[in-house]
Amino acid sequence: MAAEKLQYIEDNSTGIETVSLEHVRISYPPHTHVGHYVFGIVTEGSILIRVSGQEFTCSEGECFSVLPDVQHSIEPLSEQYSMITTCIPGNNDAAKELDVIKREILGNPELDLSIEQMSEKVNISSYHMIRKFTSENGLTPHKFQMQCRIRKAQQLLRQGYKVVDVAHMVGFCDQSHLDRVFKKQVGISPEQFIQSAILSNAD
C-alpha cells in the first residue's frame, strides 16, 4: 500500500481550511462544521458519507458538499482513499433558540458546563434542551463541546503549544484523554497533526 500523506492547511486571512488526504483509511465520526460549508472531491478509492441520516457513496472523481451545522460522517469503502476537502466560512446568521448556549461553548469549550447549567440558562428542562440543541446544531451539547475542544486544540497546536499543555488548556484531565478524543475525531494523533499542519497568510 502507498504511504499516507496528510496536510491540514489553514489560511488565517480568510478562515479557509483545506485538508489533503492521500492513501488513508481514516474514518470520521459524526461531526459538524460550525458556520462553514464543506466541499470535497475524492481522488482515489471510495468513501461512504452519511449526512443527516442519509447515506451515499463517493468514488474517485466525484464531489460532495455539506452545509454548515449539519451532522455528517465518513468511512472508507476501499482499502485506501485520497480526498481533498475545503471548509469555507459562510453566512449562517439565522437566530436559533439555543444560540446563547452554542456561543458559550464556542467561546469557552474548556469550561465544565453541566446539562443542568445549560438548561437553566434557557429555562427549559434538560431533556428538551438536549433535543432542541441537537436539532439546531446537529450534535448533542456534550459532543458539540468535545468537537469545539478539539478544534481549539488544533489552533493551539498550530501556534506551537506543547500537547501536554494544550490538553489542560482545552479542558481535558491529561494528555492521554486529549490523545484519545483527538484521534477519534481527527483520525490522527496530535503529534501527527503538528507534523501535517500548515499555516498560511494570503496577501
Protein backbone atom coordinates (compact mmCIF):
# COMPACT_ATOMS: atom_id res chain seq x y z
CA MET A 1 0.00 0.00 0.00
CA ALA A 2 1.14 3.55 -0.71
CA ALA A 3 2.33 5.60 2.26
CA GLU A 4 -0.09 8.00 3.94
CA LYS A 5 0.32 11.72 3.37
CA LEU A 6 -1.74 14.32 5.21
CA GLN A 7 -1.82 18.11 5.06
CA TYR A 8 -4.04 20.47 7.06
CA ILE A 9 -3.70 23.94 5.53
CA GLU A 10 -5.37 26.92 7.19
CA ASP A 11 -5.37 30.43 5.76
CA ASN A 12 -5.56 32.89 8.64
CA SER A 13 -6.61 35.79 6.44
CA THR A 14 -9.70 34.08 5.01
CA GLY A 15 -10.58 31.38 7.54
CA ILE A 16 -10.48 28.79 4.77
CA GLU A 17 -9.07 25.37 5.67
CA THR A 18 -8.04 22.76 3.13
CA VAL A 19 -7.39 19.15 4.12
CA SER A 20 -5.49 16.89 1.73
CA LEU A 21 -5.50 13.17 2.49
CA GLU A 22 -3.58 10.71 0.36
CA HIS A 23 -3.73 6.89 0.65
CA VAL A 24 -5.53 6.87 4.02
CA ARG A 25 -8.10 4.69 5.79
CA ILE A 26 -9.27 7.36 8.22
CA SER A 27 -12.85 7.31 9.48
CA TYR A 28 -14.52 10.47 10.74
CA PRO A 29 -17.33 10.02 13.32
CA PRO A 30 -20.46 12.18 13.24
CA HIS A 31 -19.43 15.84 13.41
CA THR A 32 -20.35 19.29 12.11
CA HIS A 33 -18.57 22.37 10.80
CA VAL A 34 -19.85 25.45 12.58
CA GLY A 35 -20.54 28.25 10.12
CA HIS A 36 -18.52 26.55 7.35
CA TYR A 37 -19.53 25.00 4.05
CA VAL A 38 -17.61 21.83 3.18
CA PHE A 39 -16.72 20.94 -0.40
CA GLY A 40 -14.81 17.74 -1.15
CA ILE A 41 -13.59 15.59 -4.00
CA VAL A 42 -12.40 12.00 -3.83
CA THR A 43 -9.29 11.47 -5.96
CA GLU A 44 -8.68 7.80 -5.19
CA GLY A 45 -10.81 4.93 -3.92
CA SER A 46 -14.26 5.42 -2.44
CA ILE A 47 -15.91 6.51 0.80
CA LEU A 48 -19.30 6.23 2.48
CA ILE A 49 -20.75 9.56 3.60
CA ARG A 50 -23.65 9.88 6.00
CA VAL A 51 -25.35 13.28 6.03
CA SER A 52 -28.28 13.82 8.40
CA GLY A 53 -29.03 10.09 8.40
CA GLN A 54 -28.81 9.61 4.64
CA GLU A 55 -26.02 7.51 3.10
CA PHE A 56 -24.30 7.85 -0.24
CA THR A 57 -21.10 6.62 -1.85
CA CYS A 58 -18.49 8.98 -3.27
CA SER A 59 -15.84 7.45 -5.54
CA GLU A 60 -12.82 8.68 -7.49
CA GLY A 61 -13.64 11.85 -9.42
CA GLU A 62 -16.89 12.51 -7.53
CA CYS A 63 -17.63 15.54 -5.35
CA PHE A 64 -19.72 16.18 -2.26
CA SER A 65 -20.80 19.15 -0.17
CA VAL A 66 -22.15 19.65 3.36
CA LEU A 67 -23.95 22.70 4.74
CA PRO A 68 -22.90 24.42 7.99
CA ASP A 69 -24.02 22.79 11.25
CA VAL A 70 -25.17 19.60 9.50
CA GLN A 71 -24.06 16.31 11.03
CA HIS A 72 -22.04 14.05 8.76
CA SER A 73 -19.55 11.19 8.96
CA ILE A 74 -17.11 9.47 6.61
CA GLU A 75 -15.98 5.84 6.37
CA PRO A 76 -13.59 4.24 3.86
CA LEU A 77 -15.06 1.72 1.43
CA SER A 78 -11.81 0.92 -0.38
CA GLU A 79 -8.51 -0.27 1.06
CA GLN A 80 -7.22 3.30 0.78
CA TYR A 81 -8.70 6.57 -0.38
CA SER A 82 -7.46 10.05 -1.22
CA MET A 83 -9.56 13.18 -0.78
CA ILE A 84 -9.32 16.95 -0.76
CA THR A 85 -11.82 18.98 1.26
CA THR A 86 -12.16 22.73 1.67
CA CYS A 87 -14.03 24.40 4.53
CA ILE A 88 -15.25 27.88 3.62
CA PRO A 89 -16.79 30.33 6.12
CA GLY A 90 -20.39 31.11 5.27
CA ASN A 91 -23.17 33.40 6.33
CA ASN A 92 -25.31 31.42 8.75
CA ASP A 93 -26.75 34.18 10.90
CA ALA A 94 -30.30 32.91 11.37
CA ALA A 95 -31.05 33.19 15.07
CA LYS A 96 -31.78 29.97 16.91
CA GLU A 97 -33.36 29.47 20.30
CA LEU A 98 -30.29 27.97 21.98
CA ASP A 99 -27.64 30.25 20.43
CA VAL A 100 -26.73 31.51 23.91
CA ILE A 101 -25.51 28.02 24.84
CA LYS A 102 -23.81 27.48 21.49
CA ARG A 103 -21.91 30.78 21.78
CA GLU A 104 -20.77 29.97 25.30
CA ILE A 105 -19.42 26.57 24.25
CA LEU A 106 -17.75 28.02 21.15
CA GLY A 107 -16.12 30.79 23.16
CA ASN A 108 -15.03 28.67 26.10
CA PRO A 109 -15.14 24.96 25.21
CA GLU A 110 -12.77 24.19 28.07
CA LEU A 111 -15.40 25.11 30.68
CA ASP A 112 -17.04 22.23 32.52
CA LEU A 113 -20.69 23.12 31.83
CA SER A 114 -23.26 20.62 33.06
CA ILE A 115 -26.52 19.87 31.28
CA GLU A 116 -28.35 21.35 34.27
CA GLN A 117 -26.41 24.63 33.99
CA MET A 118 -27.13 24.84 30.26
CA SER A 119 -30.83 24.15 30.83
CA GLU A 120 -31.09 26.85 33.48
CA LYS A 121 -29.71 29.44 31.05
CA VAL A 122 -32.65 28.90 28.69
CA ASN A 123 -35.28 27.96 31.27
CA ILE A 124 -36.27 24.59 29.82
CA SER A 125 -35.88 21.03 31.07
CA SER A 126 -32.64 19.16 30.50
CA TYR A 127 -34.42 16.64 28.26
CA HIS A 128 -35.91 19.30 25.99
CA MET A 129 -32.71 21.33 25.97
CA ILE A 130 -30.69 18.33 24.69
CA ARG A 131 -33.29 17.55 22.00
CA LYS A 132 -33.55 21.18 20.88
CA PHE A 133 -29.79 21.74 20.86
CA THR A 134 -29.23 18.58 18.82
CA SER A 135 -31.92 19.62 16.35
CA GLU A 136 -30.38 23.08 15.90
CA ASN A 137 -26.71 22.10 15.83
CA GLY A 138 -26.51 18.50 14.62
CA LEU A 139 -24.84 17.20 17.80
CA THR A 140 -25.71 16.81 21.47
CA PRO A 141 -24.28 19.52 23.76
CA HIS A 142 -21.61 17.12 25.05
CA LYS A 143 -20.47 16.01 21.59
CA PHE A 144 -20.54 19.62 20.39
CA GLN A 145 -18.35 20.66 23.31
CA MET A 146 -15.86 17.85 22.65
CA GLN A 147 -15.72 18.87 18.99
CA CYS A 148 -15.09 22.50 19.97
CA ARG A 149 -12.34 21.45 22.37
CA ILE A 150 -10.58 19.53 19.61
CA ARG A 151 -10.93 22.46 17.16
CA LYS A 152 -9.41 24.77 19.79
CA ALA A 153 -6.65 22.21 20.41
CA GLN A 154 -5.83 22.24 16.69
CA GLN A 155 -5.48 26.02 16.76
CA LEU A 156 -3.20 25.93 19.81
CA LEU A 157 -1.05 23.16 18.33
CA ARG A 158 -0.65 25.25 15.16
CA GLN A 159 0.55 28.11 17.38
CA GLY A 160 3.32 25.94 18.79
CA TYR A 161 1.98 24.93 22.21
CA LYS A 162 3.05 21.55 23.57
CA VAL A 163 0.49 18.75 23.51
CA VAL A 164 0.59 18.26 27.28
CA ASP A 165 -0.15 21.97 27.83
CA VAL A 166 -2.89 22.04 25.21
CA ALA A 167 -4.66 19.15 26.95
CA HIS A 168 -5.16 21.26 30.07
CA MET A 169 -5.85 24.48 28.14
CA VAL A 170 -8.86 22.94 26.39
CA GLY A 171 -10.31 21.17 29.42
CA PHE A 172 -9.00 17.60 29.33
CA CYS A 173 -7.74 15.99 32.52
CA ASP A 174 -4.49 14.83 30.94
CA GLN A 175 -2.69 14.32 27.64
CA SER A 176 -3.87 10.74 27.17
CA HIS A 177 -7.50 11.90 27.33
CA LEU A 178 -6.80 14.53 24.66
CA ASP A 179 -4.95 11.94 22.56
CA ARG A 180 -7.94 9.56 22.59
CA VAL A 181 -10.57 12.14 21.70
CA PHE A 182 -8.32 13.91 19.17
CA LYS A 183 -7.53 10.70 17.28
CA LYS A 184 -11.18 9.65 17.29
CA GLN A 185 -12.32 12.96 15.80
CA VAL A 186 -9.40 13.94 13.54
CA GLY A 187 -8.21 10.46 12.60
CA ILE A 188 -4.62 11.09 13.64
CA SER A 189 -2.77 11.87 16.87
CA PRO A 190 -1.95 15.43 17.99
CA GLU A 191 1.71 14.79 17.16
CA GLN A 192 0.83 13.68 13.63
CA PHE A 193 -1.37 16.76 13.26
CA ILE A 194 1.55 19.02 14.24
CA GLN A 195 3.67 17.45 11.51
CA SER A 196 0.97 17.83 8.87
CA ALA A 197 -0.42 21.27 9.78
CA ILE A 198 0.48 24.21 7.55
CA LEU A 199 -0.45 27.79 8.43
CA SER A 200 -0.54 30.36 5.66
CA ASN A 201 -1.39 34.03 5.29
CA ALA A 202 -2.60 35.15 1.88
CA ASP A 203 -1.70 38.63 0.73
